[in-house]
Amino acid sequence: MIALSVNINKIALLRNSRGGLRPGLLDLAAMALAAGAHGITVHPRPDQRHIRADDVPALAAMLRSEFPGAEFNIEGNPFAPANAGGYPGLEALVEASRPDQVTLVPDSDDQLTSDHGWDLPAQSDRVRPLVERLHALGARVSLFMDPDPVAIAAVAATGADRIELYTGPFAEAFASDGHEQGPISSGSLEAFTLAARQAVQLGLGVNAGHDLDLDNLVSLRSLPGLAEVSIGHALVADALELGWFGTVRRYLKVLNG
């Protein structure tokens, strides 16, 4: 079974745009899990434009008390420093909330969204001690990666448990022709299939995320060893048309039949 982790960043963005507490993060996270989702993903950023630092422990506490079998996944750049605006840094958030999984993403403060994976082995010496510290806090560690065989070959040496394949290029290619075919390119399904197979051969788990939706998941779900997908933007957009509960059910049906 492929697990679905629902990213609720866009819910927080909508809440923050008006102020107050609606829509309620905890309520919608609980509804997603009640609909069958396997986990909740958040990606707090230093500017706190969506998920805020105080949301993270509150979500963790709700999951532990009401959905103890659900996974809590925190994404973020581990090297983004704490700031006076209330962001304490990724490691501090992990220590406070003790998530099941931490997905390390090399995004910068000025990025609208994540758009590339780690540059390994060039950054391995920086990443390795961080992975050790996160393991000591009880978290499984996943690295956000492009489907680059050289970079993926270096993941195991960092001590990370999984990769999350950055699927933005695949989604873009799929949208352009419906079912990307032809020679291997950074956005081709074949490139992602080879990357996933390489990760499995290295003993790594395989996650995927970014711009996945009800259409392109039909192709992507065939990736070797695919354990989990993280979906936020498209799922929230679909929910505006289909309803939140029903949308989660539709994604689960596409993933697992």
Protein backbone atom coordinates (compact mmCIF):
# COMPACT_ATOMS: atom_id res chain seq x y z
CA MET A 1 0.00 0.00 0.00
CA ILE A 2 1.18 3.52 -0.84
CA ALA A 3 0.67 5.89 2.08
CA LEU A 4 -0.92 9.30 1.57
CA SER A 5 0.37 12.13 3.74
CA VAL A 6 -1.78 15.24 3.43
CA ASN A 7 0.17 18.50 3.43
CA ILE A 8 -1.90 21.18 5.20
CA ASN A 9 0.30 24.19 4.41
CA LYS A 10 -2.33 25.67 2.10
CA ILE A 11 -4.96 25.43 4.83
CA ALA A 12 -2.67 27.43 7.09
CA LEU A 13 -2.05 29.96 4.30
CA LEU A 14 -5.80 30.50 3.95
CA ARG A 15 -6.17 30.89 7.73
CA ASN A 16 -3.30 33.36 7.94
CA SER A 17 -4.65 35.48 5.07
CA ARG A 18 -7.65 36.44 7.19
CA GLY A 19 -6.35 36.02 10.72
CA GLY A 20 -8.19 34.13 13.41
CA LEU A 21 -8.52 30.37 13.60
CA ARG A 22 -10.51 29.39 10.52
CA PRO A 23 -10.13 27.16 8.66
CA GLY A 24 -9.04 25.01 11.59
CA LEU A 25 -5.81 23.11 11.00
CA LEU A 26 -6.47 20.49 13.67
CA ASP A 27 -10.02 19.89 12.49
CA LEU A 28 -9.06 19.45 8.84
CA ALA A 29 -6.06 17.30 9.69
CA ALA A 30 -8.37 15.08 11.75
CA MET A 31 -10.89 14.93 8.90
CA ALA A 32 -8.17 13.88 6.44
CA LEU A 33 -7.11 11.07 8.75
CA ALA A 34 -10.70 10.03 9.38
CA ALA A 35 -11.13 9.82 5.60
CA GLY A 36 -8.25 7.32 5.47
CA ALA A 37 -5.10 9.40 4.97
CA HIS A 38 -2.06 7.83 6.60
CA GLY A 39 -0.36 10.97 7.84
CA ILE A 40 -0.07 14.75 7.94
CA THR A 41 2.78 16.79 6.46
CA VAL A 42 3.78 20.35 7.34
CA HIS A 43 6.57 22.49 5.95
CA PRO A 44 7.21 25.40 8.33
CA ARG A 45 9.32 28.17 6.81
CA PRO A 46 11.21 30.98 8.53
CA ASP A 47 8.75 33.64 7.33
CA GLN A 48 5.86 31.53 8.75
CA ARG A 49 3.70 32.39 5.77
CA HIS A 50 1.63 29.25 6.26
CA ILE A 51 2.40 26.72 9.01
CA ARG A 52 3.58 28.62 12.08
CA ALA A 53 5.94 27.36 14.74
CA ASP A 54 3.17 27.07 17.32
CA ASP A 55 1.09 24.92 14.96
CA VAL A 56 3.67 22.14 14.97
CA PRO A 57 3.52 20.92 18.59
CA ALA A 58 -0.27 21.38 18.61
CA LEU A 59 -0.62 19.11 15.59
CA ALA A 60 1.79 16.59 17.09
CA ALA A 61 -0.20 16.45 20.32
CA MET A 62 -3.50 15.99 18.46
CA LEU A 63 -2.09 13.16 16.35
CA ARG A 64 -0.67 11.36 19.36
CA SER A 65 -3.90 11.57 21.33
CA GLU A 66 -6.50 11.03 18.59
CA PHE A 67 -4.66 9.21 15.78
CA PRO A 68 -1.73 7.39 17.39
CA GLY A 69 -1.12 5.28 14.29
CA ALA A 70 -0.83 8.26 11.93
CA GLU A 71 2.50 9.58 10.71
CA PHE A 72 3.59 13.15 11.37
CA ASN A 73 6.06 14.41 8.76
CA ILE A 74 7.87 17.73 9.11
CA GLU A 75 9.63 19.14 6.06
CA GLY A 76 12.11 21.97 6.03
CA ASN A 77 15.55 23.39 5.49
CA PRO A 78 17.69 22.40 8.47
CA PHE A 79 20.16 25.19 7.82
CA ALA A 80 17.66 28.06 7.90
CA PRO A 81 18.44 29.88 11.16
CA ALA A 82 16.05 30.83 13.91
CA ASN A 83 14.77 34.39 13.71
CA ALA A 84 13.16 37.07 15.87
CA GLY A 85 9.81 36.52 14.15
CA GLY A 86 9.22 33.35 16.13
CA TYR A 87 10.77 30.69 13.94
CA PRO A 88 13.02 28.55 16.19
CA GLY A 89 14.72 26.48 13.48
CA LEU A 90 13.86 23.03 12.17
CA GLU A 91 15.75 21.03 14.80
CA ALA A 92 14.04 22.90 17.63
CA LEU A 93 10.64 22.13 16.08
CA VAL A 94 11.57 18.47 15.75
CA GLU A 95 12.72 18.32 19.36
CA ALA A 96 9.49 19.94 20.55
CA SER A 97 7.13 17.75 18.50
CA ARG A 98 9.02 14.48 17.93
CA PRO A 99 7.62 13.67 14.47
CA ASP A 100 7.79 10.22 12.93
CA GLN A 101 9.61 11.54 9.86
CA VAL A 102 11.66 14.59 8.98
CA THR A 103 12.10 15.44 5.31
CA LEU A 104 15.11 17.67 4.73
CA VAL A 105 14.62 20.15 1.89
CA PRO A 106 17.30 22.57 0.63
CA ASP A 107 14.96 25.48 -0.04
CA SER A 108 15.91 29.10 0.54
CA ASP A 109 13.87 31.77 2.29
CA ASP A 110 12.96 33.54 -0.95
CA GLN A 111 11.62 30.47 -2.77
CA LEU A 112 7.89 30.35 -3.44
CA THR A 113 8.05 26.56 -3.14
CA SER A 114 10.65 23.80 -3.08
CA ASP A 115 12.16 23.29 -6.52
CA HIS A 116 15.31 21.14 -6.25
CA GLY A 117 16.93 18.38 -4.25
CA TRP A 118 20.16 18.11 -2.29
CA ASP A 119 23.46 18.44 -4.11
CA LEU A 120 25.18 15.25 -3.04
CA PRO A 121 27.91 14.28 -2.46
CA ALA A 122 28.98 17.97 -2.31
CA GLN A 123 26.72 18.65 0.71
CA SER A 124 27.13 15.25 2.38
CA ASP A 125 29.46 16.47 5.12
CA ARG A 126 26.87 19.05 6.21
CA VAL A 127 23.93 16.66 6.05
CA ARG A 128 25.45 13.61 7.77
CA PRO A 129 25.76 15.00 11.34
CA LEU A 130 22.30 16.49 11.06
CA VAL A 131 20.82 13.10 10.16
CA GLU A 132 22.53 11.63 13.23
CA ARG A 133 20.98 14.26 15.50
CA LEU A 134 17.51 13.74 14.04
CA HIS A 135 17.83 10.00 14.49
CA ALA A 136 18.69 10.63 18.14
CA LEU A 137 15.36 12.48 18.42
CA GLY A 138 13.55 9.40 17.15
CA ALA A 139 12.78 10.55 13.61
CA ARG A 140 13.11 8.70 10.34
CA VAL A 141 14.97 10.97 7.92
CA SER A 142 14.16 11.49 4.25
CA LEU A 143 16.16 13.66 1.84
CA PHE A 144 14.43 15.66 -0.90
CA MET A 145 16.17 14.55 -4.10
CA ASP A 146 16.15 15.03 -7.85
CA PRO A 147 16.19 11.84 -9.96
CA ASP A 148 19.97 12.16 -10.34
CA PRO A 149 21.82 8.83 -10.07
CA VAL A 150 25.05 10.42 -8.82
CA ALA A 151 23.28 12.29 -6.03
CA ILE A 152 21.11 9.33 -5.04
CA ALA A 153 24.16 7.09 -4.87
CA ALA A 154 25.50 9.37 -2.12
CA VAL A 155 22.36 9.32 0.05
CA ALA A 156 23.14 6.11 1.93
CA ALA A 157 26.45 7.54 3.18
CA THR A 158 24.55 10.36 4.92
CA GLY A 159 22.68 7.85 7.05
CA ALA A 160 19.26 8.94 5.72
CA ASP A 161 16.52 6.31 5.64
CA ARG A 162 14.57 7.45 2.61
CA ILE A 163 14.52 9.82 -0.32
CA GLU A 164 11.60 11.96 -1.37
CA LEU A 165 11.75 12.36 -5.12
CA TYR A 166 11.02 15.93 -6.21
CA THR A 167 8.32 15.28 -8.81
CA GLY A 168 7.83 18.83 -10.09
CA PRO A 169 9.55 18.12 -13.44
CA PHE A 170 7.50 14.94 -13.91
CA ALA A 171 4.25 16.79 -13.22
CA GLU A 172 5.22 19.56 -15.65
CA ALA A 173 6.07 17.06 -18.37
CA PHE A 174 2.88 15.11 -17.74
CA ALA A 175 0.79 18.27 -18.01
CA SER A 176 2.42 19.18 -21.32
CA ASP A 177 1.59 15.92 -23.11
CA GLY A 178 -0.54 13.84 -20.75
CA HIS A 179 1.83 10.90 -20.40
CA GLU A 180 5.47 11.90 -20.82
CA GLN A 181 7.24 9.52 -23.16
CA GLY A 182 10.34 9.51 -25.32
CA PRO A 183 14.01 9.74 -24.28
CA ILE A 184 15.02 9.86 -20.65
CA SER A 185 14.88 13.42 -19.37
CA SER A 186 14.73 14.98 -15.91
CA GLY A 187 10.95 14.97 -16.14
CA SER A 188 10.34 11.58 -17.69
CA LEU A 189 8.61 8.77 -15.85
CA GLU A 190 11.54 6.56 -16.82
CA ALA A 191 14.00 8.86 -15.04
CA PHE A 192 11.95 8.63 -11.84
CA THR A 193 11.54 4.88 -12.23
CA LEU A 194 15.31 4.43 -12.51
CA ALA A 195 15.87 6.71 -9.52
CA ALA A 196 13.39 4.80 -7.39
CA ARG A 197 14.87 1.45 -8.40
CA GLN A 198 18.37 2.72 -7.56
CA ALA A 199 17.18 3.87 -4.12
CA VAL A 200 15.58 0.49 -3.40
CA GLN A 201 18.79 -1.28 -4.40
CA LEU A 202 20.67 0.94 -1.93
CA GLY A 203 18.29 -0.06 0.85
CA LEU A 204 16.49 3.30 0.92
CA GLY A 205 12.77 3.89 1.21
CA VAL A 206 11.10 5.90 -1.56
CA ASN A 207 8.71 8.82 -1.06
CA ALA A 208 7.53 11.29 -3.70
CA GLY A 209 6.04 14.74 -3.68
CA HIS A 210 5.42 18.02 -5.47
CA ASP A 211 2.65 18.90 -7.91
CA LEU A 212 1.13 15.43 -7.78
CA ASP A 213 -2.58 15.18 -8.55
CA LEU A 214 -5.35 12.75 -9.41
CA ASP A 215 -4.22 12.52 -13.03
CA ASN A 216 -0.44 12.13 -12.89
CA LEU A 217 -0.55 9.81 -9.85
CA VAL A 218 -1.98 7.11 -12.10
CA SER A 219 1.44 6.89 -13.78
CA LEU A 220 3.65 7.72 -10.81
CA ARG A 221 2.18 5.10 -8.47
CA SER A 222 4.08 2.46 -10.46
CA LEU A 223 7.47 3.64 -9.11
CA PRO A 224 9.47 0.75 -7.62
CA GLY A 225 9.21 0.65 -3.84
CA LEU A 226 7.03 3.77 -3.58
CA ALA A 227 6.06 3.95 0.09
CA GLU A 228 4.47 7.38 0.49
CA VAL A 229 3.36 10.48 -1.36
CA SER A 230 2.92 13.92 0.18
CA ILE A 231 0.23 16.05 -1.46
CA GLY A 232 -1.04 19.47 -0.51
CA HIS A 233 -1.69 22.08 -3.19
CA ALA A 234 -3.61 19.92 -5.69
CA LEU A 235 -5.54 18.13 -2.96
CA VAL A 236 -6.73 21.43 -1.46
CA ALA A 237 -7.63 22.76 -4.93
CA ASP A 238 -9.62 19.61 -5.67
CA ALA A 239 -11.34 19.85 -2.30
CA LEU A 240 -12.79 23.24 -3.28
CA GLU A 241 -14.65 21.40 -6.03
CA LEU A 242 -15.19 17.95 -4.55
CA GLY A 243 -15.22 18.44 -0.78
CA TRP A 244 -12.40 17.69 1.68
CA PHE A 245 -13.46 14.23 2.87
CA GLY A 246 -14.34 12.99 -0.62
CA THR A 247 -11.10 14.34 -2.10
CA VAL A 248 -8.94 12.43 0.36
CA ARG A 249 -10.91 9.27 -0.53
CA ARG A 250 -10.37 9.85 -4.25
CA TYR A 251 -6.61 10.24 -3.83
CA LEU A 252 -6.47 7.02 -1.82
CA LYS A 253 -8.45 5.22 -4.53
CA VAL A 254 -6.09 6.43 -7.26
CA LEU A 255 -3.05 5.37 -5.25
CA ASN A 256 -4.23 1.96 -4.17
CA GLY A 257 -7.31 1.00 -6.17
